[in-house]
Amino acid sequence: MPGPAEGQGSVPLSDIAVDDELVAAAACGCGPGDEVVMPSLNFVAAASVIRHLGAAPVFCDVLGADDPNLDPVDLEAAVGPRTKAVVTLHYGGTPCDMDAVTAVAERLGLVVIEDAAHAPGAAYRGRACGSLGAAGCFSFFSNKNLPIGEGGMVVTDDAALADRVRLLRSHGMTALSWDQERGHAAGYDVLASGYNYRLDEPRAAIGLVQLGRLDAGNAARARLAALYRERLGGIAGLTLPSAARAPGTTSAEHIAVVVLPPGTSRAAIRAALAERRIQSSVHYPPIHRFSAFAGTAMRPLPRTDAIADRLLTLPLFPHMTGAQVHKVADALVDALAEHAPRSPAAEMARP
């Protein structure tokens, strides 16, 4: 994978918690005048960090309702002469087509920054998500599969990139206060304008415990997601992102997303669920629709726009029960029966 320096052995940055994508993009050399291509269907932070570096986000489309991951063909179409990198996302924990992304990146000389915030424990063709680009970025926010409240992590097998991330995460200093306290350094130099992104010890300790629970939690999520697909898979007009996997590919099942039938009022469906004390959410309002990014997406994103107002996230967490899944599914079915648009023929047949 092209990057600032070619791989120099395995250097997992498991000890580094940071504002991960900002430091990863900075370490990969993204800066003023550069463009970074990414799907608009992601959390806004993915684009904000690129702007913080003086670079410009350029949005590409997704494949569609069956697969809300980025479209590698449109990714390539979005690349221009100033494109430095691509930020992928494994939407909902299901890996995107990294073979196709990698092929585009290698052909055009781009750095791949892998957004694996949804995908700790997921695998693509037998390889761990987060290990497939120049750098992989994880989130430890409280709603993630590996939650510790806040923070993130950058991983890479590029020794030079690892050193650069370590430098940037702590003010660009060559030695930390702890190094000086232990007598390992008498002073320090500052080599770059860095950041103050260090994980504190209590959260690190929580993270180690949560890491030991990750596989079991992901397995529980997979069982619950399978129940959702079984219960909702035959509902007319309702789309569940495909459970089909390439060989050796597994999902972290981070969120349970459905795509409502065209013309359905998502607000009405959410209100109906709330009446039955069922929380729902949206992942995500596309970045290009936010006021702060008006005019950023100068290219059409028809598939993103087609599903944006129909995305609905249902409850999913490892200690959820099968009975709770059925309760949510029943409530959604009832809400759709009441609020989903009817065909003209059906309307004429009503008394």
Protein backbone atom coordinates (compact mmCIF):
# COMPACT_ATOMS: atom_id res chain seq x y z
CA MET A 1 0.00 0.00 0.00
CA PRO A 2 1.62 3.29 -0.96
CA GLY A 3 2.41 5.49 2.03
CA PRO A 4 4.96 7.90 3.40
CA ALA A 5 7.37 5.01 3.84
CA GLU A 6 7.13 1.42 2.81
CA GLY A 7 6.52 -1.31 5.38
CA GLN A 8 9.35 -1.96 7.80
CA GLY A 9 8.04 -4.82 9.87
CA SER A 10 4.97 -5.12 12.03
CA VAL A 11 4.46 -2.14 14.32
CA PRO A 12 0.98 -2.28 15.85
CA LEU A 13 0.29 0.94 17.71
CA SER A 14 -1.79 -0.76 20.36
CA ASP A 15 -0.35 1.64 22.95
CA ILE A 16 -1.46 4.78 21.15
CA ALA A 17 -4.88 6.29 21.71
CA VAL A 18 -5.48 9.46 19.74
CA ASP A 19 -7.92 11.47 17.71
CA ASP A 20 -7.08 8.68 15.35
CA GLU A 21 -8.00 9.83 11.85
CA LEU A 22 -6.56 13.31 12.36
CA VAL A 23 -3.17 12.00 13.43
CA ALA A 24 -3.21 9.21 10.84
CA ALA A 25 -3.98 11.64 8.00
CA ALA A 26 -1.35 14.09 9.24
CA ALA A 27 1.23 11.31 9.58
CA CYS A 28 0.41 10.18 6.03
CA GLY A 29 1.28 13.63 4.74
CA CYS A 30 -2.17 15.06 4.05
CA GLY A 31 -2.11 18.85 4.16
CA PRO A 32 -2.97 22.12 2.42
CA GLY A 33 -3.81 21.72 -1.25
CA ASP A 34 -4.46 17.98 -1.00
CA GLU A 35 -7.76 16.21 -1.56
CA VAL A 36 -8.94 13.12 0.29
CA VAL A 37 -11.72 10.96 -1.16
CA MET A 38 -14.20 9.33 1.21
CA PRO A 39 -17.83 8.19 1.28
CA SER A 40 -20.25 10.90 2.37
CA LEU A 41 -22.14 8.22 4.29
CA ASN A 42 -19.98 8.38 7.41
CA PHE A 43 -19.78 10.34 10.65
CA VAL A 44 -18.89 13.98 10.02
CA ALA A 45 -15.57 13.71 11.88
CA ALA A 46 -14.09 11.84 8.91
CA ALA A 47 -14.37 14.99 6.79
CA SER A 48 -13.77 17.51 9.57
CA VAL A 49 -10.30 16.17 10.36
CA ILE A 50 -9.29 16.53 6.72
CA ARG A 51 -10.35 20.17 6.79
CA HIS A 52 -8.43 20.71 10.03
CA LEU A 53 -5.29 19.73 8.13
CA GLY A 54 -6.01 22.24 5.37
CA ALA A 55 -6.92 19.54 2.88
CA ALA A 56 -10.30 19.12 1.17
CA PRO A 57 -12.67 16.16 1.47
CA VAL A 58 -14.13 14.88 -1.79
CA PHE A 59 -17.14 12.61 -1.47
CA CYS A 60 -17.81 9.41 -3.38
CA ASP A 61 -20.98 7.34 -3.63
CA VAL A 62 -21.98 4.07 -1.98
CA LEU A 63 -23.05 0.88 -3.71
CA GLY A 64 -26.67 1.11 -2.55
CA ALA A 65 -29.23 -0.16 -0.06
CA ASP A 66 -27.91 -3.73 -0.16
CA ASP A 67 -24.36 -2.55 0.54
CA PRO A 68 -23.89 0.98 1.97
CA ASN A 69 -20.10 0.73 1.65
CA LEU A 70 -18.23 2.95 -0.81
CA ASP A 71 -18.40 2.18 -4.51
CA PRO A 72 -14.84 1.51 -5.77
CA VAL A 73 -15.81 2.63 -9.28
CA ASP A 74 -17.07 6.00 -8.05
CA LEU A 75 -14.06 6.23 -5.76
CA GLU A 76 -11.81 6.14 -8.80
CA ALA A 77 -14.04 8.63 -10.62
CA ALA A 78 -13.67 11.05 -7.68
CA VAL A 79 -9.86 11.02 -7.82
CA GLY A 80 -8.24 14.13 -9.25
CA PRO A 81 -4.72 15.49 -9.71
CA ARG A 82 -4.59 16.73 -6.10
CA THR A 83 -5.88 13.54 -4.48
CA LYS A 84 -3.51 12.34 -1.75
CA ALA A 85 -5.46 9.63 0.04
CA VAL A 86 -8.70 7.71 0.38
CA VAL A 87 -10.51 7.13 3.68
CA THR A 88 -12.55 3.95 3.62
CA LEU A 89 -15.30 2.93 6.04
CA HIS A 90 -16.49 -0.59 6.89
CA TYR A 91 -20.09 0.53 7.24
CA GLY A 92 -21.89 -1.13 10.13
CA GLY A 93 -18.92 -3.43 10.67
CA THR A 94 -19.21 -5.16 7.29
CA PRO A 95 -15.92 -4.90 5.37
CA CYS A 96 -15.93 -2.97 2.13
CA ASP A 97 -14.26 -4.34 -1.00
CA MET A 98 -10.68 -3.67 0.04
CA ASP A 99 -9.25 -5.57 -2.94
CA ALA A 100 -10.90 -3.09 -5.28
CA VAL A 101 -9.96 -0.10 -3.11
CA THR A 102 -6.36 -1.27 -2.92
CA ALA A 103 -6.20 -1.78 -6.68
CA VAL A 104 -7.37 1.80 -7.29
CA ALA A 105 -4.94 3.17 -4.69
CA GLU A 106 -1.95 1.30 -6.05
CA ARG A 107 -2.74 2.25 -9.65
CA LEU A 108 -3.11 5.96 -8.78
CA GLY A 109 -0.51 6.22 -6.02
CA LEU A 110 -2.91 6.99 -3.17
CA VAL A 111 -2.55 6.38 0.57
CA VAL A 112 -5.34 4.24 2.06
CA ILE A 113 -6.48 5.26 5.55
CA GLU A 114 -8.81 2.57 6.81
CA ASP A 115 -11.67 3.75 9.02
CA ALA A 116 -12.30 0.66 11.13
CA ALA A 117 -14.33 2.44 13.82
CA HIS A 118 -17.23 0.04 13.15
CA ALA A 119 -15.08 -3.01 12.59
CA PRO A 120 -12.93 -4.17 15.53
CA GLY A 121 -12.75 -7.94 15.18
CA ALA A 122 -14.07 -7.94 11.61
CA ALA A 123 -12.05 -9.64 8.88
CA TYR A 124 -11.74 -9.28 5.12
CA ARG A 125 -10.59 -12.43 3.29
CA GLY A 126 -8.90 -13.68 6.45
CA ARG A 127 -7.17 -10.38 7.31
CA ALA A 128 -8.16 -8.19 10.24
CA CYS A 129 -9.93 -4.97 9.34
CA GLY A 130 -7.65 -2.09 10.22
CA SER A 131 -4.61 -3.93 8.86
CA LEU A 132 -5.48 -3.45 5.19
CA GLY A 133 -4.34 0.13 4.55
CA ALA A 134 -1.33 2.28 5.28
CA ALA A 135 -2.99 3.02 8.62
CA GLY A 136 -6.08 1.69 10.38
CA CYS A 137 -8.17 3.83 12.73
CA PHE A 138 -10.37 2.55 15.57
CA SER A 139 -12.77 4.29 17.94
CA PHE A 140 -13.31 3.51 21.61
CA PHE A 141 -16.40 5.71 21.99
CA SER A 142 -19.06 4.38 24.35
CA ASN A 143 -21.32 2.97 21.60
CA LYS A 144 -18.59 1.02 19.80
CA ASN A 145 -17.86 -2.72 19.91
CA LEU A 146 -14.80 -2.02 22.05
CA PRO A 147 -16.08 0.79 24.30
CA ILE A 148 -14.02 2.57 26.93
CA GLY A 149 -15.83 5.92 26.82
CA GLU A 150 -13.52 7.95 24.57
CA GLY A 151 -10.34 7.72 22.58
CA GLY A 152 -9.13 5.83 19.56
CA MET A 153 -6.23 3.89 18.13
CA VAL A 154 -4.04 3.92 15.03
CA VAL A 155 -2.42 0.72 13.78
CA THR A 156 0.15 0.30 11.02
CA ASP A 157 2.92 -2.06 9.88
CA ASP A 158 5.00 0.86 8.60
CA ALA A 159 7.76 1.68 11.12
CA ALA A 160 8.31 5.22 9.83
CA LEU A 161 4.60 5.97 9.93
CA ALA A 162 4.39 4.52 13.45
CA ASP A 163 7.18 6.83 14.61
CA ARG A 164 5.45 9.80 13.01
CA VAL A 165 2.15 9.02 14.77
CA ARG A 166 3.91 8.64 18.10
CA LEU A 167 5.57 12.00 17.59
CA LEU A 168 2.39 13.83 16.57
CA ARG A 169 0.23 12.44 19.35
CA SER A 170 2.28 14.25 22.01
CA HIS A 171 3.11 17.79 20.91
CA GLY A 172 5.76 16.68 18.42
CA MET A 173 8.15 16.12 21.34
CA THR A 174 11.08 13.72 21.08
CA ALA A 175 10.71 12.70 24.73
CA LEU A 176 7.76 12.68 27.13
CA SER A 177 7.65 13.86 30.72
CA TRP A 178 7.55 10.23 31.85
CA ASP A 179 10.79 9.54 29.94
CA GLN A 180 12.46 12.42 31.73
CA GLU A 181 11.05 11.39 35.11
CA ARG A 182 12.55 7.92 34.71
CA GLY A 183 15.89 9.36 33.67
CA HIS A 184 15.57 8.12 30.09
CA ALA A 185 15.91 11.63 28.69
CA ALA A 186 17.50 14.83 29.99
CA GLY A 187 15.45 17.09 27.72
CA TYR A 188 13.55 17.12 24.48
CA ASP A 189 13.26 18.72 21.10
CA VAL A 190 10.05 19.52 19.21
CA LEU A 191 10.17 18.25 15.63
CA ALA A 192 6.63 19.08 14.48
CA SER A 193 3.49 20.94 15.51
CA GLY A 194 1.78 18.04 17.22
CA TYR A 195 -1.28 17.36 19.32
CA ASN A 196 -2.18 16.42 22.88
CA TYR A 197 -3.76 13.01 22.27
CA ARG A 198 -2.67 10.57 24.94
CA LEU A 199 -4.79 7.87 26.51
CA ASP A 200 -4.87 7.98 30.30
CA GLU A 201 -4.09 4.92 32.39
CA PRO A 202 -7.64 4.24 33.72
CA ARG A 203 -9.07 4.09 30.21
CA ALA A 204 -6.16 1.96 29.04
CA ALA A 205 -6.91 -0.52 31.82
CA ILE A 206 -10.61 -0.57 30.88
CA GLY A 207 -9.62 -1.09 27.26
CA LEU A 208 -7.57 -4.17 28.05
CA VAL A 209 -10.55 -5.70 29.86
CA GLN A 210 -12.91 -4.81 27.03
CA LEU A 211 -10.50 -6.28 24.48
CA GLY A 212 -10.85 -9.62 26.23
CA ARG A 213 -14.61 -9.40 25.76
CA LEU A 214 -14.56 -8.36 22.10
CA ASP A 215 -14.86 -11.77 20.43
CA ALA A 216 -17.72 -12.89 22.65
CA GLY A 217 -19.50 -9.56 22.18
CA ASN A 218 -19.14 -9.73 18.40
CA ALA A 219 -20.43 -13.32 18.39
CA ALA A 220 -23.49 -12.21 20.36
CA ARG A 221 -24.06 -9.34 17.94
CA ALA A 222 -23.87 -11.77 15.02
CA ARG A 223 -26.53 -14.02 16.55
CA LEU A 224 -28.83 -11.08 17.17
CA ALA A 225 -28.26 -9.63 13.70
CA ALA A 226 -29.16 -13.03 12.23
CA LEU A 227 -32.44 -12.94 14.18
CA TYR A 228 -33.22 -9.50 12.76
CA ARG A 229 -32.55 -10.72 9.23
CA GLU A 230 -34.69 -13.81 9.77
CA ARG A 231 -37.59 -11.80 11.17
CA LEU A 232 -37.47 -8.85 8.79
CA GLY A 233 -36.01 -10.36 5.63
CA GLY A 234 -39.35 -10.95 3.94
CA ILE A 235 -40.98 -7.57 4.62
CA ALA A 236 -42.00 -6.00 1.31
CA GLY A 237 -39.94 -2.94 0.43
CA LEU A 238 -37.68 -3.21 3.47
CA THR A 239 -34.00 -3.74 2.70
CA LEU A 240 -31.43 -5.16 5.09
CA PRO A 241 -27.85 -4.60 3.99
CA SER A 242 -26.60 -7.86 2.57
CA ALA A 243 -25.27 -10.52 4.91
CA ALA A 244 -23.35 -12.10 2.01
CA ARG A 245 -19.61 -12.24 2.65
CA ALA A 246 -16.57 -12.91 0.53
CA PRO A 247 -14.67 -16.06 1.60
CA GLY A 248 -12.95 -15.50 4.94
CA THR A 249 -14.88 -12.28 5.55
CA THR A 250 -16.80 -11.59 8.76
CA SER A 251 -18.67 -8.56 10.05
CA ALA A 252 -18.36 -6.98 13.48
CA GLU A 253 -22.14 -6.29 13.28
CA HIS A 254 -21.65 -2.90 14.87
CA ILE A 255 -25.16 -1.61 14.11
CA ALA A 256 -28.43 -3.11 12.89
CA VAL A 257 -29.46 -0.95 9.94
CA VAL A 258 -32.53 -1.28 7.76
CA VAL A 259 -33.43 0.75 4.69
CA LEU A 260 -37.11 1.69 4.76
CA PRO A 261 -39.36 1.34 1.71
CA PRO A 262 -39.22 4.33 -0.66
CA GLY A 263 -41.64 7.07 0.35
CA THR A 264 -41.84 6.00 3.98
CA SER A 265 -41.74 8.73 6.61
CA ARG A 266 -38.78 7.80 8.80
CA ALA A 267 -39.94 10.32 11.40
CA ALA A 268 -43.29 8.56 11.65
CA ILE A 269 -41.64 5.16 12.00
CA ARG A 270 -39.30 6.43 14.70
CA ALA A 271 -42.20 8.04 16.56
CA ALA A 272 -44.16 4.80 16.44
CA LEU A 273 -41.19 2.89 17.83
CA ALA A 274 -40.67 5.50 20.55
CA GLU A 275 -44.31 5.09 21.63
CA ARG A 276 -43.40 1.47 22.40
CA ARG A 277 -40.27 2.62 24.26
CA ILE A 278 -37.91 1.47 21.51
CA GLN A 279 -35.00 3.75 20.71
CA SER A 280 -33.82 4.17 17.13
CA SER A 281 -31.20 6.33 15.44
CA VAL A 282 -29.72 7.21 12.05
CA HIS A 283 -26.29 6.24 10.75
CA TYR A 284 -25.66 8.66 9.17
CA PRO A 285 -26.98 11.89 7.75
CA PRO A 286 -24.62 12.18 4.74
CA ILE A 287 -21.82 14.68 5.35
CA HIS A 288 -22.44 16.59 2.13
CA ARG A 289 -25.90 17.59 3.38
CA PHE A 290 -24.62 19.46 6.45
CA SER A 291 -24.52 23.25 6.26
CA ALA A 292 -20.82 23.32 7.11
CA PHE A 293 -20.09 21.23 4.01
CA ALA A 294 -22.47 22.91 1.58
CA GLY A 295 -20.79 23.03 -1.79
CA THR A 296 -18.10 20.53 -0.82
CA ALA A 297 -19.65 17.70 -2.82
CA MET A 298 -19.50 19.06 -6.32
CA ARG A 299 -20.22 15.66 -7.82
CA PRO A 300 -23.50 13.71 -7.81
CA LEU A 301 -24.05 11.01 -5.20
CA PRO A 302 -27.32 9.46 -6.41
CA ARG A 303 -27.21 6.22 -4.43
CA THR A 304 -26.27 7.98 -1.21
CA ASP A 305 -29.09 10.47 -1.68
CA ALA A 306 -31.53 7.67 -2.56
CA ILE A 307 -31.10 5.89 0.78
CA ALA A 308 -30.16 8.80 3.07
CA ASP A 309 -33.69 9.52 4.29
CA ARG A 310 -34.56 5.82 4.57
CA LEU A 311 -31.75 4.61 6.83
CA LEU A 312 -32.87 3.48 10.26
CA THR A 313 -30.75 1.96 13.00
CA LEU A 314 -32.42 -0.51 15.36
CA PRO A 315 -31.18 -1.47 18.84
CA LEU A 316 -28.26 -3.91 18.90
CA PHE A 317 -25.97 -4.66 21.83
CA PRO A 318 -24.27 -7.85 23.05
CA HIS A 319 -26.50 -8.45 26.09
CA MET A 320 -29.69 -7.90 24.11
CA THR A 321 -32.02 -10.91 24.22
CA GLY A 322 -33.72 -12.73 21.40
CA ALA A 323 -37.08 -11.74 22.89
CA GLN A 324 -36.06 -8.09 22.69
CA VAL A 325 -35.11 -8.50 19.03
CA HIS A 326 -38.55 -9.94 18.30
CA LYS A 327 -40.18 -7.08 20.21
CA VAL A 328 -38.32 -4.52 18.11
CA ALA A 329 -39.04 -6.39 14.89
CA ASP A 330 -42.75 -6.70 15.71
CA ALA A 331 -42.93 -2.99 16.48
CA LEU A 332 -41.24 -2.13 13.19
CA VAL A 333 -43.56 -4.41 11.23
CA ASP A 334 -46.59 -2.79 12.88
CA ALA A 335 -45.23 0.70 12.21
CA LEU A 336 -44.60 -0.11 8.57
CA ALA A 337 -48.11 -1.51 8.20
CA GLU A 338 -49.46 1.80 9.46
CA HIS A 339 -47.08 4.28 7.87
CA ALA A 340 -45.49 2.72 4.78
CA PRO A 341 -46.91 4.16 1.53
CA ARG A 342 -49.54 2.05 -0.18
CA SER A 343 -49.74 1.43 -3.89
CA PRO A 344 -52.56 3.16 -5.81
CA ALA A 345 -54.21 -0.23 -6.35
CA ALA A 346 -54.18 -0.93 -2.63
CA GLU A 347 -55.63 2.52 -1.88
CA MET A 348 -58.48 1.91 -4.34
CA ALA A 349 -59.26 -1.40 -2.69
CA ARG A 350 -59.59 0.15 0.78
CA PRO A 351 -63.18 0.59 2.03
